[in-house]
C-alpha atoms as a PDB file:
ATOM      1  CA  UNK A   1      10.729  17.419  -3.904  1.00  0.00           C
ATOM      2  CA  UNK A   2      12.953  17.045  -0.512  1.00  0.00           C
ATOM      3  CA  UNK A   3      10.362  15.536   0.990  1.00  0.00           C
ATOM      4  CA  UNK A   4       9.819  12.485  -1.509  1.00  0.00           C
ATOM      5  CA  UNK A   5      13.164  12.218  -1.401  1.00  0.00           C
ATOM      6  CA  UNK A   6      13.559  11.918   2.638  1.00  0.00           C
ATOM      7  CA  UNK A   7      10.066   9.375   2.219  1.00  0.00           C
ATOM      8  CA  UNK A   8      12.065   7.130  -0.074  1.00  0.00           C
ATOM      9  CA  UNK A   9      15.028   7.203   1.361  1.00  0.00           C
ATOM     10  CA  UNK A  10      13.121   6.105   4.915  1.00  0.00           C
ATOM     11  CA  UNK A  11      11.323   3.163   3.286  1.00  0.00           C
ATOM     12  CA  UNK A  12      14.661   2.184   1.804  1.00  0.00           C
ATOM     13  CA  UNK A  13      16.373   2.664   5.159  1.00  0.00           C
ATOM     14  CA  UNK A  14      13.194   0.426   7.036  1.00  0.00           C
ATOM     15  CA  UNK A  15      13.843  -2.460   4.406  1.00  0.00           C
ATOM     16  CA  UNK A  16      14.084  -6.010   5.898  1.00  0.00           C
ATOM     17  CA  UNK A  17      16.871  -8.366   4.360  1.00  0.00           C
ATOM     18  CA  UNK A  18      17.391 -11.156   6.723  1.00  0.00           C
ATOM     19  CA  UNK A  19      17.892 -14.649   4.995  1.00  0.00           C
ATOM     20  CA  UNK A  20      14.441 -15.642   5.288  1.00  0.00           C
ATOM     21  CA  UNK A  21      12.805 -12.586   3.168  1.00  0.00           C
ATOM     22  CA  UNK A  22      15.707 -12.989   1.047  1.00  0.00           C
ATOM     23  CA  UNK A  23      14.647 -17.154   0.658  1.00  0.00           C
ATOM     24  CA  UNK A  24      11.078 -16.206   0.111  1.00  0.00           C
ATOM     25  CA  UNK A  25      11.782 -13.491  -2.422  1.00  0.00           C
ATOM     26  CA  UNK A  26      14.025 -16.140  -4.430  1.00  0.00           C
ATOM     27  CA  UNK A  27      11.044 -18.903  -3.964  1.00  0.00           C
ATOM     28  CA  UNK A  28       8.574 -16.463  -5.417  1.00  0.00           C
ATOM     29  CA  UNK A  29      10.568 -14.859  -8.226  1.00  0.00           C
ATOM     30  CA  UNK A  30      11.770 -18.677  -9.325  1.00  0.00           C
ATOM     31  CA  UNK A  31       7.869 -19.849  -9.288  1.00  0.00           C
ATOM     32  CA  UNK A  32       6.908 -16.725 -11.583  1.00  0.00           C
ATOM     33  CA  UNK A  33       9.849 -17.007 -13.883  1.00  0.00           C
ATOM     34  CA  UNK A  34       8.977 -20.881 -14.357  1.00  0.00           C
ATOM     35  CA  UNK A  35       5.091 -20.164 -14.969  1.00  0.00           C
ATOM     36  CA  UNK A  36       6.033 -17.221 -17.222  1.00  0.00           C
ATOM     37  CA  UNK A  37       8.065 -19.893 -19.015  1.00  0.00           C
ATOM     38  CA  UNK A  38       5.361 -22.807 -18.974  1.00  0.00           C
ATOM     39  CA  UNK A  39       3.219 -19.933 -20.640  1.00  0.00           C
ATOM     40  CA  UNK A  40       5.627 -19.126 -23.227  1.00  0.00           C
ATOM     41  CA  UNK A  41       6.058 -22.455 -23.535  1.00  0.00           C
ATOM     42  CA  UNK A  42       2.285 -23.154 -24.426  1.00  0.00           C
ATOM     43  CA  UNK A  43       2.583 -20.493 -26.696  1.00  0.00           C
ATOM     44  CA  UNK A  44       5.213 -21.605 -28.588  1.00  0.00           C
ATOM     45  CA  UNK A  45       7.522 -19.086 -28.407  1.00  0.00           C
ATOM     46  CA  UNK A  46      11.588 -19.880 -28.069  1.00  0.00           C
ATOM     47  CA  UNK A  47      11.676 -17.723 -24.674  1.00  0.00           C
ATOM     48  CA  UNK A  48      10.569 -20.257 -22.516  1.00  0.00           C
ATOM     49  CA  UNK A  49      14.066 -21.913 -21.891  1.00  0.00           C
ATOM     50  CA  UNK A  50      15.587 -18.737 -20.826  1.00  0.00           C
ATOM     51  CA  UNK A  51      12.610 -18.274 -18.444  1.00  0.00           C
ATOM     52  CA  UNK A  52      11.890 -21.431 -17.344  1.00  0.00           C
ATOM     53  CA  UNK A  53      16.022 -22.070 -16.844  1.00  0.00           C
ATOM     54  CA  UNK A  54      16.222 -18.628 -15.244  1.00  0.00           C
ATOM     55  CA  UNK A  55      13.275 -19.675 -12.598  1.00  0.00           C
ATOM     56  CA  UNK A  56      15.129 -23.167 -11.736  1.00  0.00           C
ATOM     57  CA  UNK A  57      18.394 -21.346 -11.267  1.00  0.00           C
ATOM     58  CA  UNK A  58      16.952 -18.736  -8.916  1.00  0.00           C
ATOM     59  CA  UNK A  59      15.342 -22.019  -7.077  1.00  0.00           C
ATOM     60  CA  UNK A  60      18.781 -23.521  -6.599  1.00  0.00           C
ATOM     61  CA  UNK A  61      19.859 -20.536  -5.679  1.00  0.00           C
ATOM     62  CA  UNK A  62      17.044 -19.358  -3.149  1.00  0.00           C
ATOM     63  CA  UNK A  63      17.551 -23.002  -1.134  1.00  0.00           C
ATOM     64  CA  UNK A  64      21.946 -22.897  -2.001  1.00  0.00           C
ATOM     65  CA  UNK A  65      23.352 -19.790  -1.666  1.00  0.00           C
ATOM     66  CA  UNK A  66      20.630 -17.040  -0.205  1.00  0.00           C
ATOM     67  CA  UNK A  67      23.152 -14.510  -0.024  1.00  0.00           C
ATOM     68  CA  UNK A  68      23.832 -14.546  -3.740  1.00  0.00           C
ATOM     69  CA  UNK A  69      20.186 -12.678  -4.008  1.00  0.00           C
ATOM     70  CA  UNK A  70      20.610 -10.214  -1.851  1.00  0.00           C
ATOM     71  CA  UNK A  71      21.604  -7.488  -4.168  1.00  0.00           C
ATOM     72  CA  UNK A  72      18.649  -8.837  -6.494  1.00  0.00           C
ATOM     73  CA  UNK A  73      16.386  -8.184  -3.713  1.00  0.00           C
ATOM     74  CA  UNK A  74      17.498  -4.819  -2.437  1.00  0.00           C
ATOM     75  CA  UNK A  75      17.536  -4.013  -6.395  1.00  0.00           C
ATOM     76  CA  UNK A  76      14.174  -5.172  -6.886  1.00  0.00           C
ATOM     77  CA  UNK A  77      13.150  -3.720  -3.432  1.00  0.00           C
ATOM     78  CA  UNK A  78      14.326  -0.346  -4.569  1.00  0.00           C
ATOM     79  CA  UNK A  79      12.670  -0.232  -7.208  1.00  0.00           C
ATOM     80  CA  UNK A  80       8.972  -1.376  -5.699  1.00  0.00           C
ATOM     81  CA  UNK A  81       9.320   1.462  -3.213  1.00  0.00           C
ATOM     82  CA  UNK A  82       9.944   4.064  -5.693  1.00  0.00           C
ATOM     83  CA  UNK A  83       7.192   2.720  -8.139  1.00  0.00           C
ATOM     84  CA  UNK A  84       5.185   2.193  -5.067  1.00  0.00           C
ATOM     85  CA  UNK A  85       5.542   5.708  -3.877  1.00  0.00           C
ATOM     86  CA  UNK A  86       4.251   7.354  -7.142  1.00  0.00           C
ATOM     87  CA  UNK A  87       1.531   5.210  -7.876  1.00  0.00           C
ATOM     88  CA  UNK A  88      -0.026   5.071  -4.634  1.00  0.00           C
ATOM     89  CA  UNK A  89      -0.486   8.751  -5.034  1.00  0.00           C
ATOM     90  CA  UNK A  90      -1.740   8.804  -8.520  1.00  0.00           C
ATOM     91  CA  UNK A  91      -4.504   5.965  -6.926  1.00  0.00           C
ATOM     92  CA  UNK A  92      -5.101   8.388  -4.096  1.00  0.00           C
ATOM     93  CA  UNK A  93      -5.442  11.288  -6.313  1.00  0.00           C
ATOM     94  CA  UNK A  94      -7.659   9.600  -8.566  1.00  0.00           C
ATOM     95  CA  UNK A  95     -10.227   8.211  -6.046  1.00  0.00           C
ATOM     96  CA  UNK A  96     -10.324  11.772  -4.485  1.00  0.00           C
ATOM     97  CA  UNK A  97     -11.324  13.531  -8.053  1.00  0.00           C
ATOM     98  CA  UNK A  98     -13.779  10.339  -8.572  1.00  0.00           C
ATOM     99  CA  UNK A  99     -15.150   9.758  -5.263  1.00  0.00           C
ATOM    100  CA  UNK A 100     -14.476  12.983  -3.287  1.00  0.00           C
ATOM    101  CA  UNK A 101     -14.859  15.921  -5.046  1.00  0.00           C
ATOM    102  CA  UNK A 102     -18.296  14.704  -6.737  1.00  0.00           C
ATOM    103  CA  UNK A 103     -19.640  13.904  -3.364  1.00  0.00           C
ATOM    104  CA  UNK A 104     -19.091  17.549  -2.571  1.00  0.00           C
ATOM    105  CA  UNK A 105     -20.081  19.286  -5.372  1.00  0.00           C
ATOM    106  CA  UNK A 106     -23.275  17.728  -5.076  1.00  0.00           C
ATOM    107  CA  UNK A 107     -23.743  18.771  -1.848  1.00  0.00           C
ATOM    108  CA  UNK A 108     -22.935  22.168  -2.450  1.00  0.00           C
ATOM    109  CA  UNK A 109     -25.465  21.726  -5.333  1.00  0.00           C
ATOM    110  CA  UNK A 110     -28.127  20.959  -2.897  1.00  0.00           C
ATOM    111  CA  UNK A 111     -26.975  23.108  -0.344  1.00  0.00           C
ATOM    112  CA  UNK A 112     -26.753  20.629   2.145  1.00  0.00           C
ATOM    113  CA  UNK A 113     -24.366  21.145   5.386  1.00  0.00           C
ATOM    114  CA  UNK A 114     -23.652  17.922   6.760  1.00  0.00           C
ATOM    115  CA  UNK A 115     -21.004  18.985   9.218  1.00  0.00           C
ATOM    116  CA  UNK A 116     -23.181  22.327  10.585  1.00  0.00           C
ATOM    117  CA  UNK A 117     -20.182  24.572   9.243  1.00  0.00           C
ATOM    118  CA  UNK A 118     -22.234  27.822   8.814  1.00  0.00           C
ATOM    119  CA  UNK A 119     -22.027  30.693  10.932  1.00  0.00           C
ATOM    120  CA  UNK A 120     -25.337  31.498  12.306  1.00  0.00           C
ATOM    121  CA  UNK A 121     -25.006  34.596  14.505  1.00  0.00           C
ATOM    122  CA  UNK A 122     -28.679  34.508  15.971  1.00  0.00           C
ATOM    123  CA  UNK A 123     -27.345  31.455  18.179  1.00  0.00           C
ATOM    124  CA  UNK A 124     -25.526  32.832  21.451  1.00  0.00           C
ATOM    125  CA  UNK A 125     -23.635  29.436  21.148  1.00  0.00           C
ATOM    126  CA  UNK A 126     -22.605  26.393  19.004  1.00  0.00           C
ATOM    127  CA  UNK A 127     -21.989  24.171  22.456  1.00  0.00           C
ATOM    128  CA  UNK A 128     -24.198  21.273  22.385  1.00  0.00           C
ATOM    129  CA  UNK A 129     -26.008  20.902  26.225  1.00  0.00           C
ATOM    130  CA  UNK A 130     -24.699  17.136  27.294  1.00  0.00           C
ATOM    131  CA  UNK A 131     -27.509  15.780  29.787  1.00  0.00           C
ATOM    132  CA  UNK A 132     -25.833  14.331  33.175  1.00  0.00           C
ATOM    133  CA  UNK A 133     -26.597  11.001  34.343  1.00  0.00           C
ATOM    134  CA  UNK A 134     -26.123  10.112  37.960  1.00  0.00           C
ATOM    135  CA  UNK A 135     -22.652   8.218  38.291  1.00  0.00           C
ATOM    136  CA  UNK A 136     -22.618   4.011  37.890  1.00  0.00           C
ATOM    137  CA  UNK A 137     -19.830   1.744  37.667  1.00  0.00           C
ATOM    138  CA  UNK A 138     -21.831  -0.446  35.177  1.00  0.00           C
ATOM    139  CA  UNK A 139     -21.435   2.580  32.859  1.00  0.00           C
ATOM    140  CA  UNK A 140     -17.701   2.477  33.419  1.00  0.00           C
ATOM    141  CA  UNK A 141     -17.052  -0.937  32.984  1.00  0.00           C
ATOM    142  CA  UNK A 142     -19.521  -1.221  30.002  1.00  0.00           C
ATOM    143  CA  UNK A 143     -18.346   1.955  27.947  1.00  0.00           C
ATOM    144  CA  UNK A 144     -19.594   0.516  24.762  1.00  0.00           C
END
């Protein structure tokens, strides 16, 4: 639990909060609100006025006084950091159980050892002999 809080605090501490970033946030957020307002207008909902007005006000604030948007920007960013922390772990867990666990189970069922992890007591060494090649400048200049 301490690691979760520590990671989230680190992300919040590294948050960029300059005027250029806040202005971008205001423009994008106002466009999203305006698009929602247009969609609600198209669906004949009476809420479209509030979304369109909020989008217009946000756009005006983004260009006129960006500093008024800083608390909203910080709040939305902190919320997205917290949500993103948990969602990313959920997605990675689902990917593990959908992709990697079945592959590992299948490889165990067919008894295939790709990594060559089985211990073979008959072998004197697990070391692979490397063939020695003569030194050449071209080899070191063109490594790949």
